Amino acid sequence: AAASWTPQRVATFCQLPLAQVMAFYRLLADAENWLTLYSMG
């Protein structure tokens, strides 16, 4: 289900610079632990 969401498509859909999308993904790749704190948004 996620296979069509390439970084470029994500950047276009989310209206973000591709460089920012890739910076986020590389942070995840390099980190041992992630904590996602999500709320009403």
Full PDB file with SEQRES, HELIX, SHEET, SSBOND, CRYST1, ORIGX, SCALE, CONECT and MASTER records, all heavy atoms in Angstrom:
SEQRES   1 A   41  ALA ALA ALA SER TRP THR PRO GLN ARG VAL ALA THR PHE          
SEQRES   2 A   41  CYS GLN LEU PRO LEU ALA GLN VAL MET ALA PHE TYR ARG          
SEQRES   3 A   41  LEU LEU ALA ASP ALA GLU ASN TRP LEU THR LEU TYR SER          
SEQRES   4 A   41  MET GLY                                                      
HELIX    1 AA1 PRO A    7  CYS A   14  1                                   8    
HELIX    2 AA2 LEU A   18  ASP A   30  1                                  13    
CRYST1    1.000    1.000    1.000  90.00  90.00  90.00 P 1           1          
ORIGX1      1.000000  0.000000  0.000000        0.00000                         
ORIGX2      0.000000  1.000000  0.000000        0.00000                         
ORIGX3      0.000000  0.000000  1.000000        0.00000                         
SCALE1      1.000000  0.000000  0.000000        0.00000                         
SCALE2      0.000000  1.000000  0.000000        0.00000                         
SCALE3      0.000000  0.000000  1.000000        0.00000                         
ATOM      1  N   ALA A   1       0.826  -1.214   0.000  1.00  0.00           N  
ATOM      2  CA  ALA A   1       0.000   0.000   0.000  1.00  0.00           C  
ATOM      3  C   ALA A   1       0.857   1.259   0.000  1.00  0.00           C  
ATOM      4  O   ALA A   1       0.451   2.298  -0.537  1.00  0.00           O  
ATOM      5  CB  ALA A   1      -0.925  -0.016   1.210  1.00  0.00           C  
ATOM      6  N   ALA A   2       2.057   1.175   0.602  1.00  0.00           N  
ATOM      7  CA  ALA A   2       2.930   2.350   0.682  1.00  0.00           C  
ATOM      8  C   ALA A   2       3.857   2.481  -0.520  1.00  0.00           C  
ATOM      9  O   ALA A   2       4.544   3.496  -0.667  1.00  0.00           O  
ATOM     10  CB  ALA A   2       3.769   2.268   1.960  1.00  0.00           C  
ATOM     11  N   ALA A   3       3.864   1.479  -1.394  1.00  0.00           N  
ATOM     12  CA  ALA A   3       4.889   1.407  -2.439  1.00  0.00           C  
ATOM     13  C   ALA A   3       4.837   2.554  -3.438  1.00  0.00           C  
ATOM     14  O   ALA A   3       5.852   2.886  -4.067  1.00  0.00           O  
ATOM     15  CB  ALA A   3       4.780   0.074  -3.177  1.00  0.00           C  
ATOM     16  N   SER A   4       3.685   3.175  -3.611  1.00  0.00           N  
ATOM     17  CA  SER A   4       3.582   4.273  -4.587  1.00  0.00           C  
ATOM     18  C   SER A   4       4.065   5.609  -4.027  1.00  0.00           C  
ATOM     19  O   SER A   4       4.197   6.584  -4.771  1.00  0.00           O  
ATOM     20  CB  SER A   4       2.137   4.411  -5.064  1.00  0.00           C  
ATOM     21  OG  SER A   4       1.290   4.777  -3.973  1.00  0.00           O  
ATOM     22  N   TRP A   5       4.345   5.645  -2.713  1.00  0.00           N  
ATOM     23  CA  TRP A   5       4.708   6.919  -2.090  1.00  0.00           C  
ATOM     24  C   TRP A   5       6.226   7.097  -2.129  1.00  0.00           C  
ATOM     25  O   TRP A   5       6.929   6.937  -1.152  1.00  0.00           O  
ATOM     26  CB  TRP A   5       4.168   6.989  -0.658  1.00  0.00           C  
ATOM     27  CG  TRP A   5       2.681   7.142  -0.636  1.00  0.00           C  
ATOM     28  CD1 TRP A   5       1.757   6.185  -0.373  1.00  0.00           C  
ATOM     29  CD2 TRP A   5       1.957   8.333  -0.941  1.00  0.00           C  
ATOM     30  NE1 TRP A   5       0.491   6.693  -0.482  1.00  0.00           N  
ATOM     31  CE2 TRP A   5       0.576   8.021  -0.836  1.00  0.00           C  
ATOM     32  CE3 TRP A   5       2.323   9.634  -1.300  1.00  0.00           C  
ATOM     33  CZ2 TRP A   5      -0.426   8.958  -1.073  1.00  0.00           C  
ATOM     34  CZ3 TRP A   5       1.320  10.564  -1.538  1.00  0.00           C  
ATOM     35  CH2 TRP A   5      -0.034  10.230  -1.428  1.00  0.00           C  
ATOM     36  N   THR A   6       6.707   7.441  -3.312  1.00  0.00           N  
ATOM     37  CA  THR A   6       8.123   7.771  -3.470  1.00  0.00           C  
ATOM     38  C   THR A   6       8.399   9.121  -2.812  1.00  0.00           C  
ATOM     39  O   THR A   6       7.482   9.916  -2.594  1.00  0.00           O  
ATOM     40  CB  THR A   6       8.479   7.866  -4.952  1.00  0.00           C  
ATOM     41  OG1 THR A   6       7.741   8.963  -5.533  1.00  0.00           O  
ATOM     42  CG2 THR A   6       8.139   6.573  -5.682  1.00  0.00           C  
ATOM     43  N   PRO A   7       9.648   9.408  -2.477  1.00  0.00           N  
ATOM     44  CA  PRO A   7       9.954  10.712  -1.878  1.00  0.00           C  
ATOM     45  C   PRO A   7       9.465  11.887  -2.721  1.00  0.00           C  
ATOM     46  O   PRO A   7       8.953  12.877  -2.177  1.00  0.00           O  
ATOM     47  CB  PRO A   7      11.476  10.685  -1.750  1.00  0.00           C  
ATOM     48  CG  PRO A   7      11.803   9.233  -1.565  1.00  0.00           C  
ATOM     49  CD  PRO A   7      10.836   8.511  -2.450  1.00  0.00           C  
ATOM     50  N   GLN A   8       9.599  11.800  -4.027  1.00  0.00           N  
ATOM     51  CA  GLN A   8       9.149  12.908  -4.875  1.00  0.00           C  
ATOM     52  C   GLN A   8       7.637  13.069  -4.809  1.00  0.00           C  
ATOM     53  O   GLN A   8       7.117  14.196  -4.730  1.00  0.00           O  
ATOM     54  CB  GLN A   8       9.580  12.682  -6.322  1.00  0.00           C  
ATOM     55  CG  GLN A   8       9.211  13.847  -7.255  1.00  0.00           C  
ATOM     56  CD  GLN A   8       9.817  15.164  -6.808  1.00  0.00           C  
ATOM     57  OE1 GLN A   8      11.036  15.324  -6.778  1.00  0.00           O  
ATOM     58  NE2 GLN A   8       8.967  16.133  -6.441  1.00  0.00           N  
ATOM     59  N   ARG A   9       6.899  11.951  -4.840  1.00  0.00           N  
ATOM     60  CA  ARG A   9       5.441  12.056  -4.742  1.00  0.00           C  
ATOM     61  C   ARG A   9       5.021  12.607  -3.381  1.00  0.00           C  
ATOM     62  O   ARG A   9       4.101  13.414  -3.286  1.00  0.00           O  
ATOM     63  CB  ARG A   9       4.796  10.682  -4.974  1.00  0.00           C  
ATOM     64  CG  ARG A   9       3.277  10.779  -5.021  1.00  0.00           C  
ATOM     65  CD  ARG A   9       2.598   9.428  -5.118  1.00  0.00           C  
ATOM     66  NE  ARG A   9       1.152   9.600  -5.102  1.00  0.00           N  
ATOM     67  CZ  ARG A   9       0.286   8.650  -4.731  1.00  0.00           C  
ATOM     68  NH1 ARG A   9       0.743   7.451  -4.366  1.00  0.00           N  
ATOM     69  NH2 ARG A   9      -1.003   8.889  -4.719  1.00  0.00           N  
ATOM     70  N   VAL A  10       5.715  12.157  -2.320  1.00  0.00           N  
ATOM     71  CA  VAL A  10       5.423  12.689  -0.982  1.00  0.00           C  
ATOM     72  C   VAL A  10       5.652  14.196  -0.955  1.00  0.00           C  
ATOM     73  O   VAL A  10       4.813  14.969  -0.448  1.00  0.00           O  
ATOM     74  CB  VAL A  10       6.299  11.992   0.081  1.00  0.00           C  
ATOM     75  CG1 VAL A  10       6.195  12.718   1.423  1.00  0.00           C  
ATOM     76  CG2 VAL A  10       5.895  10.538   0.240  1.00  0.00           C  
ATOM     77  N   ALA A  11       6.777  14.641  -1.498  1.00  0.00           N  
ATOM     78  CA  ALA A  11       7.090  16.073  -1.495  1.00  0.00           C  
ATOM     79  C   ALA A  11       6.026  16.866  -2.231  1.00  0.00           C  
ATOM     80  O   ALA A  11       5.574  17.927  -1.764  1.00  0.00           O  
ATOM     81  CB  ALA A  11       8.466  16.301  -2.111  1.00  0.00           C  
ATOM     82  N   THR A  12       5.591  16.358  -3.380  1.00  0.00           N  
ATOM     83  CA  THR A  12       4.569  17.060  -4.159  1.00  0.00           C  
ATOM     84  C   THR A  12       3.239  17.082  -3.417  1.00  0.00           C  
ATOM     85  O   THR A  12       2.576  18.120  -3.312  1.00  0.00           O  
ATOM     86  CB  THR A  12       4.401  16.374  -5.529  1.00  0.00           C  
ATOM     87  OG1 THR A  12       5.654  16.389  -6.221  1.00  0.00           O  
ATOM     88  CG2 THR A  12       3.345  17.083  -6.357  1.00  0.00           C  
ATOM     89  N   PHE A  13       2.841  15.907  -2.894  1.00  0.00           N  
ATOM     90  CA  PHE A  13       1.546  15.800  -2.215  1.00  0.00           C  
ATOM     91  C   PHE A  13       1.509  16.638  -0.940  1.00  0.00           C  
ATOM     92  O   PHE A  13       0.508  17.293  -0.630  1.00  0.00           O  
ATOM     93  CB  PHE A  13       1.261  14.335  -1.897  1.00  0.00           C  
ATOM     94  CG  PHE A  13      -0.103  14.085  -1.321  1.00  0.00           C  
ATOM     95  CD1 PHE A  13      -1.210  13.988  -2.142  1.00  0.00           C  
ATOM     96  CD2 PHE A  13      -0.286  13.932   0.051  1.00  0.00           C  
ATOM     97  CE1 PHE A  13      -2.476  13.760  -1.615  1.00  0.00           C  
ATOM     98  CE2 PHE A  13      -1.537  13.702   0.596  1.00  0.00           C  
ATOM     99  CZ  PHE A  13      -2.640  13.610  -0.250  1.00  0.00           C  
ATOM    100  N   CYS A  14       2.599  16.616  -0.184  1.00  0.00           N  
ATOM    101  CA  CYS A  14       2.657  17.336   1.096  1.00  0.00           C  
ATOM    102  C   CYS A  14       3.048  18.804   0.928  1.00  0.00           C  
ATOM    103  O   CYS A  14       3.036  19.556   1.902  1.00  0.00           O  
ATOM    104  CB  CYS A  14       3.656  16.659   2.032  1.00  0.00           C  
ATOM    105  SG  CYS A  14       3.204  14.975   2.510  1.00  0.00           S  
ATOM    106  N   GLN A  15       3.405  19.175  -0.312  1.00  0.00           N  
ATOM    107  CA  GLN A  15       3.843  20.542  -0.603  1.00  0.00           C  
ATOM    108  C   GLN A  15       5.055  20.923   0.252  1.00  0.00           C  
ATOM    109  O   GLN A  15       5.099  21.968   0.903  1.00  0.00           O  
ATOM    110  CB  GLN A  15       2.687  21.540  -0.414  1.00  0.00           C  
ATOM    111  CG  GLN A  15       1.535  21.295  -1.372  1.00  0.00           C  
ATOM    112  CD  GLN A  15       0.352  22.215  -1.163  1.00  0.00           C  
ATOM    113  OE1 GLN A  15       0.375  23.125  -0.328  1.00  0.00           O  
ATOM    114  NE2 GLN A  15      -0.715  21.991  -1.921  1.00  0.00           N  
ATOM    115  N   LEU A  16       6.039  20.028   0.216  1.00  0.00           N  
ATOM    116  CA  LEU A  16       7.289  20.219   0.942  1.00  0.00           C  
ATOM    117  C   LEU A  16       8.458  20.147  -0.037  1.00  0.00           C  
ATOM    118  O   LEU A  16       8.393  19.442  -1.041  1.00  0.00           O  
ATOM    119  CB  LEU A  16       7.476  19.115   1.992  1.00  0.00           C  
ATOM    120  CG  LEU A  16       6.581  19.140   3.225  1.00  0.00           C  
ATOM    121  CD1 LEU A  16       6.747  17.832   4.008  1.00  0.00           C  
ATOM    122  CD2 LEU A  16       6.908  20.333   4.120  1.00  0.00           C  
ATOM    123  N   PRO A  17       9.549  20.842   0.264  1.00  0.00           N  
ATOM    124  CA  PRO A  17      10.757  20.650  -0.544  1.00  0.00           C  
ATOM    125  C   PRO A  17      11.247  19.203  -0.402  1.00  0.00           C  
ATOM    126  O   PRO A  17      11.243  18.638   0.695  1.00  0.00           O  
ATOM    127  CB  PRO A  17      11.760  21.634   0.072  1.00  0.00           C  
ATOM    128  CG  PRO A  17      10.933  22.628   0.818  1.00  0.00           C  
ATOM    129  CD  PRO A  17       9.724  21.883   1.290  1.00  0.00           C  
ATOM    130  N   LEU A  18      11.668  18.628  -1.524  1.00  0.00           N  
ATOM    131  CA  LEU A  18      12.161  17.257  -1.483  1.00  0.00           C  
ATOM    132  C   LEU A  18      13.324  17.116  -0.510  1.00  0.00           C  
ATOM    133  O   LEU A  18      13.446  16.102   0.190  1.00  0.00           O  
ATOM    134  CB  LEU A  18      12.611  16.823  -2.891  1.00  0.00           C  
ATOM    135  CG  LEU A  18      13.205  15.420  -3.017  1.00  0.00           C  
ATOM    136  CD1 LEU A  18      12.195  14.355  -2.575  1.00  0.00           C  
ATOM    137  CD2 LEU A  18      13.674  15.162  -4.442  1.00  0.00           C  
ATOM    138  N   ALA A  19      14.146  18.140  -0.411  1.00  0.00           N  
ATOM    139  CA  ALA A  19      15.296  18.079   0.500  1.00  0.00           C  
ATOM    140  C   ALA A  19      14.845  17.929   1.951  1.00  0.00           C  
ATOM    141  O   ALA A  19      15.504  17.234   2.742  1.00  0.00           O  
ATOM    142  CB  ALA A  19      16.146  19.340   0.341  1.00  0.00           C  
ATOM    143  N   GLN A  20      13.727  18.564   2.323  1.00  0.00           N  
ATOM    144  CA  GLN A  20      13.229  18.422   3.698  1.00  0.00           C  
ATOM    145  C   GLN A  20      12.694  17.010   3.939  1.00  0.00           C  
ATOM    146  O   GLN A  20      12.920  16.429   5.010  1.00  0.00           O  
ATOM    147  CB  GLN A  20      12.127  19.448   3.968  1.00  0.00           C  
ATOM    148  CG  GLN A  20      12.628  20.860   4.208  1.00  0.00           C  
ATOM    149  CD  GLN A  20      11.546  21.722   4.828  1.00  0.00           C  
ATOM    150  OE1 GLN A  20      10.382  21.338   4.917  1.00  0.00           O  
ATOM    151  NE2 GLN A  20      11.943  22.909   5.268  1.00  0.00           N  
ATOM    152  N   VAL A  21      11.977  16.475   2.969  1.00  0.00           N  
ATOM    153  CA  VAL A  21      11.465  15.105   3.109  1.00  0.00           C  
ATOM    154  C   VAL A  21      12.622  14.134   3.300  1.00  0.00           C  
ATOM    155  O   VAL A  21      12.612  13.281   4.204  1.00  0.00           O  
ATOM    156  CB  VAL A  21      10.623  14.713   1.877  1.00  0.00           C  
ATOM    157  CG1 VAL A  21      10.231  13.233   1.943  1.00  0.00           C  
ATOM    158  CG2 VAL A  21       9.380  15.584   1.780  1.00  0.00           C  
ATOM    159  N   MET A  22      13.656  14.283   2.471  1.00  0.00           N  
ATOM    160  CA  MET A  22      14.792  13.372   2.575  1.00  0.00           C  
ATOM    161  C   MET A  22      15.571  13.581   3.875  1.00  0.00           C  
ATOM    162  O   MET A  22      16.109  12.618   4.446  1.00  0.00           O  
ATOM    163  CB  MET A  22      15.715  13.559   1.379  1.00  0.00           C  
ATOM    164  CG  MET A  22      15.096  13.099   0.063  1.00  0.00           C  
ATOM    165  SD  MET A  22      14.411  11.413   0.140  1.00  0.00           S  
ATOM    166  CE  MET A  22      15.837  10.475   0.699  1.00  0.00           C  
ATOM    167  N   ALA A  23      15.643  14.822   4.361  1.00  0.00           N  
ATOM    168  CA  ALA A  23      16.322  15.066   5.637  1.00  0.00           C  
ATOM    169  C   ALA A  23      15.618  14.327   6.766  1.00  0.00           C  
ATOM    170  O   ALA A  23      16.272  13.749   7.655  1.00  0.00           O  
ATOM    171  CB  ALA A  23      16.367  16.567   5.922  1.00  0.00           C  
ATOM    172  N   PHE A  24      14.280  14.327   6.744  1.00  0.00           N  
ATOM    173  CA  PHE A  24      13.511  13.597   7.756  1.00  0.00           C  
ATOM    174  C   PHE A  24      13.762  12.099   7.647  1.00  0.00           C  
ATOM    175  O   PHE A  24      14.041  11.423   8.645  1.00  0.00           O  
ATOM    176  CB  PHE A  24      12.025  13.915   7.580  1.00  0.00           C  
ATOM    177  CG  PHE A  24      11.102  13.153   8.498  1.00  0.00           C  
ATOM    178  CD1 PHE A  24      11.376  13.031   9.854  1.00  0.00           C  
ATOM    179  CD2 PHE A  24       9.947  12.561   7.995  1.00  0.00           C  
ATOM    180  CE1 PHE A  24      10.515  12.325  10.699  1.00  0.00           C  
ATOM    181  CE2 PHE A  24       9.090  11.857   8.825  1.00  0.00           C  
ATOM    182  CZ  PHE A  24       9.374  11.742  10.178  1.00  0.00           C  
ATOM    183  N   TYR A  25      13.686  11.574   6.440  1.00  0.00           N  
ATOM    184  CA  TYR A  25      13.863  10.133   6.264  1.00  0.00           C  
ATOM    185  C   TYR A  25      15.272   9.691   6.669  1.00  0.00           C  
ATOM    186  O   TYR A  25      15.459   8.612   7.249  1.00  0.00           O  
ATOM    187  CB  TYR A  25      13.577   9.742   4.822  1.00  0.00           C  
ATOM    188  CG  TYR A  25      12.123   9.894   4.403  1.00  0.00           C  
ATOM    189  CD1 TYR A  25      11.736   9.718   3.079  1.00  0.00           C  
ATOM    190  CD2 TYR A  25      11.128  10.201   5.338  1.00  0.00           C  
ATOM    191  CE1 TYR A  25      10.410   9.842   2.692  1.00  0.00           C  
ATOM    192  CE2 TYR A  25       9.800  10.341   4.959  1.00  0.00           C  
ATOM    193  CZ  TYR A  25       9.449  10.167   3.633  1.00  0.00           C  
ATOM    194  OH  TYR A  25       8.127  10.297   3.258  1.00  0.00           O  
ATOM    195  N   ARG A  26      16.271  10.507   6.381  1.00  0.00           N  
ATOM    196  CA  ARG A  26      17.645  10.134   6.752  1.00  0.00           C  
ATOM    197  C   ARG A  26      17.849  10.200   8.261  1.00  0.00           C  
ATOM    198  O   ARG A  26      18.625   9.407   8.819  1.00  0.00           O  
ATOM    199  CB  ARG A  26      18.633  11.045   6.023  1.00  0.00           C  
ATOM    200  CG  ARG A  26      18.695  10.757   4.521  1.00  0.00           C  
ATOM    201  CD  ARG A  26      19.841  11.489   3.840  1.00  0.00           C  
ATOM    202  NE  ARG A  26      19.850  11.198   2.414  1.00  0.00           N  
ATOM    203  CZ  ARG A  26      19.465  12.061   1.463  1.00  0.00           C  
ATOM    204  NH1 ARG A  26      19.067  13.284   1.800  1.00  0.00           N  
ATOM    205  NH2 ARG A  26      19.499  11.714   0.194  1.00  0.00           N  
ATOM    206  N   LEU A  27      17.151  11.136   8.930  1.00  0.00           N  
ATOM    207  CA  LEU A  27      17.197  11.146  10.398  1.00  0.00           C  
ATOM    208  C   LEU A  27      16.697   9.820  10.955  1.00  0.00           C  
ATOM    209  O   LEU A  27      17.285   9.253  11.879  1.00  0.00           O  
ATOM    210  CB  LEU A  27      16.350  12.295  10.951  1.00  0.00           C  
ATOM    211  CG  LEU A  27      16.980  13.666  11.123  1.00  0.00           C  
ATOM    212  CD1 LEU A  27      15.943  14.654  11.653  1.00  0.00           C  
ATOM    213  CD2 LEU A  27      18.171  13.600  12.058  1.00  0.00           C  
ATOM    214  N   LEU A  28      15.592   9.327  10.390  1.00  0.00           N  
ATOM    215  CA  LEU A  28      15.048   8.046  10.842  1.00  0.00           C  
ATOM    216  C   LEU A  28      16.037   6.914  10.565  1.00  0.00           C  
ATOM    217  O   LEU A  28      16.229   6.021  11.405  1.00  0.00           O  
ATOM    218  CB  LEU A  28      13.719   7.763  10.134  1.00  0.00           C  
ATOM    219  CG  LEU A  28      12.573   8.746  10.373  1.00  0.00           C  
ATOM    220  CD1 LEU A  28      11.348   8.345   9.567  1.00  0.00           C  
ATOM    221  CD2 LEU A  28      12.224   8.840  11.851  1.00  0.00           C  
ATOM    222  N   ALA A  29      16.658   6.962   9.403  1.00  0.00           N  
ATOM    223  CA  ALA A  29      17.584   5.888   9.033  1.00  0.00           C  
ATOM    224  C   ALA A  29      18.793   5.833   9.956  1.00  0.00           C  
ATOM    225  O   ALA A  29      19.300   4.754  10.269  1.00  0.00           O  
ATOM    226  CB  ALA A  29      18.046   6.085   7.587  1.00  0.00           C  
ATOM    227  N   ASP A  30      19.248   6.988  10.420  1.00  0.00           N  
ATOM    228  CA  ASP A  30      20.480   7.065  11.209  1.00  0.00           C  
ATOM    229  C   ASP A  30      20.257   6.878  12.706  1.00  0.00           C  
ATOM    230  O   ASP A  30      21.227   6.709  13.451  1.00  0.00           O  
ATOM    231  CB  ASP A  30      21.164   8.421  10.980  1.00  0.00           C  
ATOM    232  CG  ASP A  30      21.664   8.585   9.546  1.00  0.00           C  
ATOM    233  OD1 ASP A  30      21.835   7.556   8.867  1.00  0.00           O  
ATOM    234  OD2 ASP A  30      21.843   9.738   9.116  1.00  0.00           O  
ATOM    235  N   ALA A  31      19.001   6.922  13.162  1.00  0.00           N  
ATOM    236  CA  ALA A  31      18.722   6.930  14.600  1.00  0.00           C  
ATOM    237  C   ALA A  31      18.405   5.535  15.116  1.00  0.00           C  
ATOM    238  O   ALA A  31      17.696   4.752  14.466  1.00  0.00           O  
ATOM    239  CB  ALA A  31      17.565   7.869  14.910  1.00  0.00           C  
ATOM    240  N   GLU A  32      18.886   5.239  16.295  1.00  0.00           N  
ATOM    241  CA  GLU A  32      18.596   3.962  16.939  1.00  0.00           C  
ATOM    242  C   GLU A  32      17.167   3.918  17.460  1.00  0.00           C  
ATOM    243  O   GLU A  32      16.508   2.872  17.437  1.00  0.00           O  
ATOM    244  CB  GLU A  32      19.583   3.734  18.093  1.00  0.00           C  
ATOM    245  CG  GLU A  32      19.460   2.384  18.776  1.00  0.00           C  
ATOM    246  CD  GLU A  32      19.886   1.230  17.890  1.00  0.00           C  
ATOM    247  OE1 GLU A  32      20.627   1.469  16.917  1.00  0.00           O  
ATOM    248  OE2 GLU A  32      19.463   0.088  18.165  1.00  0.00           O  
ATOM    249  N   ASN A  33      16.660   5.067  17.934  1.00  0.00           N  
ATOM    250  CA  ASN A  33      15.320   5.119  18.511  1.00  0.00           C  
ATOM    251  C   ASN A  33      14.571   6.333  17.989  1.00  0.00           C  
ATOM    252  O   ASN A  33      15.152   7.405  17.813  1.00  0.00           O  
ATOM    253  CB  ASN A  33      15.394   5.205  20.043  1.00  0.00           C  
ATOM    254  CG  ASN A  33      15.921   3.939  20.670  1.00  0.00           C  
ATOM    255  OD1 ASN A  33      15.309   2.882  20.526  1.00  0.00           O  
ATOM    256  ND2 ASN A  33      17.063   4.012  21.343  1.00  0.00           N  
ATOM    257  N   TRP A  34      13.263   6.144  17.757  1.00  0.00           N  
ATOM    258  CA  TRP A  34      12.376   7.256  17.408  1.00  0.00           C  
ATOM    259  C   TRP A  34      11.205   7.248  18.378  1.00  0.00           C  
ATOM    260  O   TRP A  34      10.660   6.208  18.720  1.00  0.00           O  
ATOM    261  CB  TRP A  34      11.764   7.145  16.015  1.00  0.00           C  
ATOM    262  CG  TRP A  34      12.579   6.534  14.929  1.00  0.00           C  
ATOM    263  CD1 TRP A  34      13.899   6.758  14.646  1.00  0.00           C  
ATOM    264  CD2 TRP A  34      12.105   5.588  13.946  1.00  0.00           C  
ATOM    265  NE1 TRP A  34      14.273   6.015  13.550  1.00  0.00           N  
ATOM    266  CE2 TRP A  34      13.203   5.297  13.091  1.00  0.00           C  
ATOM    267  CE3 TRP A  34      10.871   4.998  13.687  1.00  0.00           C  
ATOM    268  CZ2 TRP A  34      13.098   4.422  12.024  1.00  0.00           C  
ATOM    269  CZ3 TRP A  34      10.764   4.126  12.615  1.00  0.00           C  
ATOM    270  CH2 TRP A  34      11.854   3.841  11.795  1.00  0.00           C  
ATOM    271  N   LEU A  35      10.759   8.445  18.755  1.00  0.00           N  
ATOM    272  CA  LEU A  35       9.564   8.608  19.585  1.00  0.00           C  
ATOM    273  C   LEU A  35       8.655   9.607  18.886  1.00  0.00           C  
ATOM    274  O   LEU A  35       9.028  10.771  18.716  1.00  0.00           O  
ATOM    275  CB  LEU A  35       9.941   9.121  20.982  1.00  0.00           C  
ATOM    276  CG  LEU A  35       8.802   9.249  21.994  1.00  0.00           C  
ATOM    277  CD1 LEU A  35       8.260   7.880  22.382  1.00  0.00           C  
ATOM    278  CD2 LEU A  35       9.264  10.005  23.240  1.00  0.00           C  
ATOM    279  N   THR A  36       7.483   9.155  18.444  1.00  0.00           N  
ATOM    280  CA  THR A  36       6.537  10.031  17.763  1.00  0.00           C  
ATOM    281  C   THR A  36       5.442  10.434  18.745  1.00  0.00           C  
ATOM    282  O   THR A  36       4.679   9.585  19.214  1.00  0.00           O  
ATOM    283  CB  THR A  36       5.918   9.345  16.532  1.00  0.00           C  
ATOM    284  OG1 THR A  36       6.966   8.886  15.676  1.00  0.00           O  
ATOM    285  CG2 THR A  36       5.052  10.329  15.767  1.00  0.00           C  
ATOM    286  N   LEU A  37       5.391  11.723  19.052  1.00  0.00           N  
ATOM    287  CA  LEU A  37       4.398  12.272  19.971  1.00  0.00           C  
ATOM    288  C   LEU A  37       3.333  12.965  19.124  1.00  0.00           C  
ATOM    289  O   LEU A  37       3.575  14.021  18.542  1.00  0.00           O  
ATOM    290  CB  LEU A  37       5.061  13.265  20.924  1.00  0.00           C  
ATOM    291  CG  LEU A  37       6.197  12.674  21.779  1.00  0.00           C  
ATOM    292  CD1 LEU A  37       7.316  13.686  21.961  1.00  0.00           C  
ATOM    293  CD2 LEU A  37       5.678  12.216  23.125  1.00  0.00           C  
ATOM    294  N   TYR A  38       2.159  12.347  19.020  1.00  0.00           N  
ATOM    295  CA  TYR A  38       1.120  12.910  18.153  1.00  0.00           C  
ATOM    296  C   TYR A  38      -0.132  13.231  18.960  1.00  0.00           C  
ATOM    297  O   TYR A  38      -0.456  12.570  19.945  1.00  0.00           O  
ATOM    298  CB  TYR A  38       0.812  11.976  16.984  1.00  0.00           C  
ATOM    299  CG  TYR A  38       0.413  10.559  17.315  1.00  0.00           C  
ATOM    300  CD1 TYR A  38      -0.918  10.161  17.305  1.00  0.00           C  
ATOM    301  CD2 TYR A  38       1.385   9.593  17.611  1.00  0.00           C  
ATOM    302  CE1 TYR A  38      -1.285   8.845  17.568  1.00  0.00           C  
ATOM    303  CE2 TYR A  38       1.031   8.284  17.878  1.00  0.00           C  
ATOM    304  CZ  TYR A  38      -0.302   7.911  17.858  1.00  0.00           C  
ATOM    305  OH  TYR A  38      -0.657   6.621  18.127  1.00  0.00           O  
ATOM    306  N   SER A  39      -0.832  14.277  18.518  1.00  0.00           N  
ATOM    307  CA  SER A  39      -1.951  14.763  19.318  1.00  0.00           C  
ATOM    308  C   SER A  39      -3.101  15.173  18.416  1.00  0.00           C  
ATOM    309  O   SER A  39      -3.345  14.566  17.384  1.00  0.00           O  
ATOM    310  CB  SER A  39      -1.473  15.905  20.223  1.00  0.00           C  
ATOM    311  OG  SER A  39      -2.419  16.180  21.233  1.00  0.00           O  
ATOM    312  N   MET A  40      -3.802  16.259  18.773  1.00  0.00           N  
ATOM    313  CA  MET A  40      -5.083  16.565  18.138  1.00  0.00           C  
ATOM    314  C   MET A  40      -4.977  16.873  16.651  1.00  0.00           C  
ATOM    315  O   MET A  40      -5.924  16.666  15.892  1.00  0.00           O  
ATOM    316  CB  MET A  40      -5.756  17.738  18.859  1.00  0.00           C  
ATOM    317  CG  MET A  40      -6.099  17.455  20.303  1.00  0.00           C  
ATOM    318  SD  MET A  40      -7.074  15.952  20.519  1.00  0.00           S  
ATOM    319  CE  MET A  40      -5.933  14.968  21.466  1.00  0.00           C  
ATOM    320  N   GLY A  41      -3.835  17.370  16.190  1.00  0.00           N  
ATOM    321  CA  GLY A  41      -3.683  17.615  14.762  1.00  0.00           C  
ATOM    322  C   GLY A  41      -3.774  16.338  13.944  1.00  0.00           C  
ATOM    323  O   GLY A  41      -4.102  16.364  12.756  1.00  0.00           O  
TER     324      GLY A  41                                                      
MASTER        0    0    0    2    0    0    0    6  323    1    0    4          
END                                                                             
